[in-house]
Amino acid sequence: YAGANLFTENNLRANTRRIVVVATDGAPNRRIQECSTLGMRNTNQGCTQDMAAYLKAQGPGTEDDVVFVYLPIGNYARLSLFENQEDYQIQAKFEDLEAVRNEVVQTLACTPVV
């Protein structure tokens, strides 16, 4: 599973921000069998929530080391999917994704490295 190996000791750089952007149209994680092998819930939303918590806890510091952006797209993505685990939530429509990309970059570029 890509998320399980996203942040390792081999790919950490000093004074840089580790960023996870999760974009979904409301039907996240169709590969839930891999979540159960990692000890996570094997439902679409449960696996997605568990992986977000796992990623937030990665690395040598606190959970503040990972900046987590939730990008719900369209009308079917639950705004409460991550139960406030995300640092930022930027809502989008499919036709506005290019403008939203710029908003995500601007938000993250203006966030100080902790």
C-alpha atoms as a PDB file:
ATOM      1  CA  TYR A   1       0.000   0.000   0.000  1.00  0.00           C
ATOM      2  CA  ALA A   2       1.516   3.316  -1.047  1.00  0.00           C
ATOM      3  CA  GLY A   3       0.578   5.161   2.128  1.00  0.00           C
ATOM      4  CA  ALA A   4       2.326   2.655   4.367  1.00  0.00           C
ATOM      5  CA  ASN A   5       5.674   3.452   2.719  1.00  0.00           C
ATOM      6  CA  LEU A   6       5.202   7.120   1.942  1.00  0.00           C
ATOM      7  CA  PHE A   7       7.329   8.553   4.749  1.00  0.00           C
ATOM      8  CA  THR A   8      10.417   6.615   5.743  1.00  0.00           C
ATOM      9  CA  GLU A   9      13.703   7.524   7.387  1.00  0.00           C
ATOM     10  CA  ASN A  10      15.319   7.288   3.930  1.00  0.00           C
ATOM     11  CA  ASN A  11      13.234  10.052   2.386  1.00  0.00           C
ATOM     12  CA  LEU A  12      13.125  12.642   5.169  1.00  0.00           C
ATOM     13  CA  ARG A  13      14.834  15.979   4.521  1.00  0.00           C
ATOM     14  CA  ALA A  14      15.679  18.573   7.139  1.00  0.00           C
ATOM     15  CA  ASN A  15      13.541  21.713   7.330  1.00  0.00           C
ATOM     16  CA  THR A  16      10.991  20.490   4.827  1.00  0.00           C
ATOM     17  CA  ARG A  17       7.327  19.886   5.195  1.00  0.00           C
ATOM     18  CA  ARG A  18       5.813  16.469   4.588  1.00  0.00           C
ATOM     19  CA  ILE A  19       2.485  16.921   2.850  1.00  0.00           C
ATOM     20  CA  VAL A  20      -0.380  14.544   2.159  1.00  0.00           C
ATOM     21  CA  VAL A  21      -3.241  15.655  -0.071  1.00  0.00           C
ATOM     22  CA  VAL A  22      -6.209  13.306  -0.112  1.00  0.00           C
ATOM     23  CA  ALA A  23      -8.675  14.039  -2.902  1.00  0.00           C
ATOM     24  CA  THR A  24     -11.862  12.019  -3.134  1.00  0.00           C
ATOM     25  CA  ASP A  25     -15.214  12.144  -4.854  1.00  0.00           C
ATOM     26  CA  GLY A  26     -16.821  10.273  -1.971  1.00  0.00           C
ATOM     27  CA  ALA A  27     -15.812   6.707  -2.798  1.00  0.00           C
ATOM     28  CA  PRO A  28     -12.307   6.429  -1.328  1.00  0.00           C
ATOM     29  CA  ASN A  29     -10.000   3.455  -1.188  1.00  0.00           C
ATOM     30  CA  ARG A  30     -11.188   0.733  -3.460  1.00  0.00           C
ATOM     31  CA  ARG A  31      -8.180  -1.417  -2.443  1.00  0.00           C
ATOM     32  CA  ILE A  32      -9.351  -2.108   1.107  1.00  0.00           C
ATOM     33  CA  GLN A  33      -7.881  -5.630   1.263  1.00  0.00           C
ATOM     34  CA  GLU A  34      -4.470  -4.026   1.679  1.00  0.00           C
ATOM     35  CA  CYS A  35      -5.744  -2.033   4.653  1.00  0.00           C
ATOM     36  CA  SER A  36      -6.681  -5.173   6.539  1.00  0.00           C
ATOM     37  CA  THR A  37      -3.164  -6.555   6.010  1.00  0.00           C
ATOM     38  CA  LEU A  38      -1.896  -3.415   7.783  1.00  0.00           C
ATOM     39  CA  GLY A  39      -4.311  -3.947  10.676  1.00  0.00           C
ATOM     40  CA  MET A  40      -6.668  -1.194   9.563  1.00  0.00           C
ATOM     41  CA  ARG A  41     -10.412  -1.344   9.135  1.00  0.00           C
ATOM     42  CA  ASN A  42     -11.437  -2.958   5.874  1.00  0.00           C
ATOM     43  CA  THR A  43     -14.231  -0.619   4.890  1.00  0.00           C
ATOM     44  CA  ASN A  44     -13.701   2.142   2.330  1.00  0.00           C
ATOM     45  CA  GLN A  45     -14.091   5.013   4.753  1.00  0.00           C
ATOM     46  CA  GLY A  46     -12.575   3.217   7.744  1.00  0.00           C
ATOM     47  CA  CYS A  47      -9.433   2.358   5.811  1.00  0.00           C
ATOM     48  CA  THR A  48      -9.135   5.923   4.540  1.00  0.00           C
ATOM     49  CA  GLN A  49      -9.527   7.345   8.047  1.00  0.00           C
ATOM     50  CA  ASP A  50      -7.047   4.859   9.535  1.00  0.00           C
ATOM     51  CA  MET A  51      -4.458   5.558   6.833  1.00  0.00           C
ATOM     52  CA  ALA A  52      -4.769   9.300   7.453  1.00  0.00           C
ATOM     53  CA  ALA A  53      -4.122   8.774  11.173  1.00  0.00           C
ATOM     54  CA  TYR A  54      -1.196   6.475  10.333  1.00  0.00           C
ATOM     55  CA  LEU A  55       0.382   9.057   8.025  1.00  0.00           C
ATOM     56  CA  LYS A  56      -0.088  11.859  10.558  1.00  0.00           C
ATOM     57  CA  ALA A  57       1.848   9.787  13.099  1.00  0.00           C
ATOM     58  CA  GLN A  58       4.827   9.039  10.827  1.00  0.00           C
ATOM     59  CA  GLY A  59       8.322  10.349  11.320  1.00  0.00           C
ATOM     60  CA  PRO A  60      10.597  11.346  14.136  1.00  0.00           C
ATOM     61  CA  GLY A  61       8.487  14.187  15.578  1.00  0.00           C
ATOM     62  CA  THR A  62       4.890  14.708  16.535  1.00  0.00           C
ATOM     63  CA  GLU A  63       1.808  14.411  14.385  1.00  0.00           C
ATOM     64  CA  ASP A  64       2.390  18.066  13.437  1.00  0.00           C
ATOM     65  CA  ASP A  65       5.240  16.855  11.212  1.00  0.00           C
ATOM     66  CA  VAL A  66       2.772  15.922   8.463  1.00  0.00           C
ATOM     67  CA  VAL A  67       0.487  18.523   6.889  1.00  0.00           C
ATOM     68  CA  PHE A  68      -2.736  16.795   5.842  1.00  0.00           C
ATOM     69  CA  VAL A  69      -4.975  18.459   3.245  1.00  0.00           C
ATOM     70  CA  TYR A  70      -8.402  16.998   2.537  1.00  0.00           C
ATOM     71  CA  LEU A  71      -9.832  17.870  -0.866  1.00  0.00           C
ATOM     72  CA  PRO A  72     -13.469  16.716  -1.095  1.00  0.00           C
ATOM     73  CA  ILE A  73     -14.538  16.897  -4.736  1.00  0.00           C
ATOM     74  CA  GLY A  74     -18.118  17.163  -5.930  1.00  0.00           C
ATOM     75  CA  ASN A  75     -21.384  16.603  -4.101  1.00  0.00           C
ATOM     76  CA  TYR A  76     -20.826  13.133  -2.661  1.00  0.00           C
ATOM     77  CA  ALA A  77     -17.628  13.528  -0.655  1.00  0.00           C
ATOM     78  CA  ARG A  78     -18.392  13.665   3.065  1.00  0.00           C
ATOM     79  CA  LEU A  79     -16.988  16.841   4.575  1.00  0.00           C
ATOM     80  CA  SER A  80     -16.621  15.040   7.907  1.00  0.00           C
ATOM     81  CA  LEU A  81     -14.824  12.005   6.446  1.00  0.00           C
ATOM     82  CA  PHE A  82     -11.639  12.537   8.452  1.00  0.00           C
ATOM     83  CA  GLU A  83     -13.359  13.712  11.620  1.00  0.00           C
ATOM     84  CA  ASN A  84     -11.127  16.804  11.882  1.00  0.00           C
ATOM     85  CA  GLN A  85      -7.828  14.930  11.403  1.00  0.00           C
ATOM     86  CA  GLU A  86      -7.023  17.171   8.447  1.00  0.00           C
ATOM     87  CA  ASP A  87      -5.069  20.388   8.851  1.00  0.00           C
ATOM     88  CA  TYR A  88      -6.841  21.978   5.894  1.00  0.00           C
ATOM     89  CA  GLN A  89     -10.018  21.227   4.011  1.00  0.00           C
ATOM     90  CA  ILE A  90     -10.486  22.802   0.604  1.00  0.00           C
ATOM     91  CA  GLN A  91     -13.749  21.953  -1.143  1.00  0.00           C
ATOM     92  CA  ALA A  92     -13.816  21.592  -4.903  1.00  0.00           C
ATOM     93  CA  LYS A  93     -15.975  20.916  -7.896  1.00  0.00           C
ATOM     94  CA  PHE A  94     -14.600  18.795 -10.718  1.00  0.00           C
ATOM     95  CA  GLU A  95     -14.665  21.722 -13.121  1.00  0.00           C
ATOM     96  CA  ASP A  96     -12.664  23.902 -10.677  1.00  0.00           C
ATOM     97  CA  LEU A  97      -9.765  21.547  -9.938  1.00  0.00           C
ATOM     98  CA  GLU A  98      -7.132  23.671 -11.673  1.00  0.00           C
ATOM     99  CA  ALA A  99      -8.012  26.731  -9.580  1.00  0.00           C
ATOM    100  CA  VAL A 100      -8.183  24.601  -6.451  1.00  0.00           C
ATOM    101  CA  ARG A 101      -4.711  23.227  -7.186  1.00  0.00           C
ATOM    102  CA  ASN A 102      -3.424  26.787  -7.035  1.00  0.00           C
ATOM    103  CA  GLU A 103      -5.257  27.342  -3.725  1.00  0.00           C
ATOM    104  CA  VAL A 104      -3.691  24.196  -2.249  1.00  0.00           C
ATOM    105  CA  VAL A 105      -0.200  25.275  -3.338  1.00  0.00           C
ATOM    106  CA  GLN A 106      -0.741  28.795  -1.967  1.00  0.00           C
ATOM    107  CA  THR A 107      -2.053  27.457   1.353  1.00  0.00           C
ATOM    108  CA  LEU A 108       0.898  25.130   1.810  1.00  0.00           C
ATOM    109  CA  ALA A 109       3.495  27.639   0.614  1.00  0.00           C
ATOM    110  CA  CYS A 110       2.327  30.116   3.247  1.00  0.00           C
ATOM    111  CA  THR A 111       2.333  27.623   6.121  1.00  0.00           C
ATOM    112  CA  PRO A 112       5.480  27.861   8.247  1.00  0.00           C
ATOM    113  CA  VAL A 113       7.634  24.768   8.655  1.00  0.00           C
ATOM    114  CA  VAL A 114       7.345  23.569  12.258  1.00  0.00           C
END
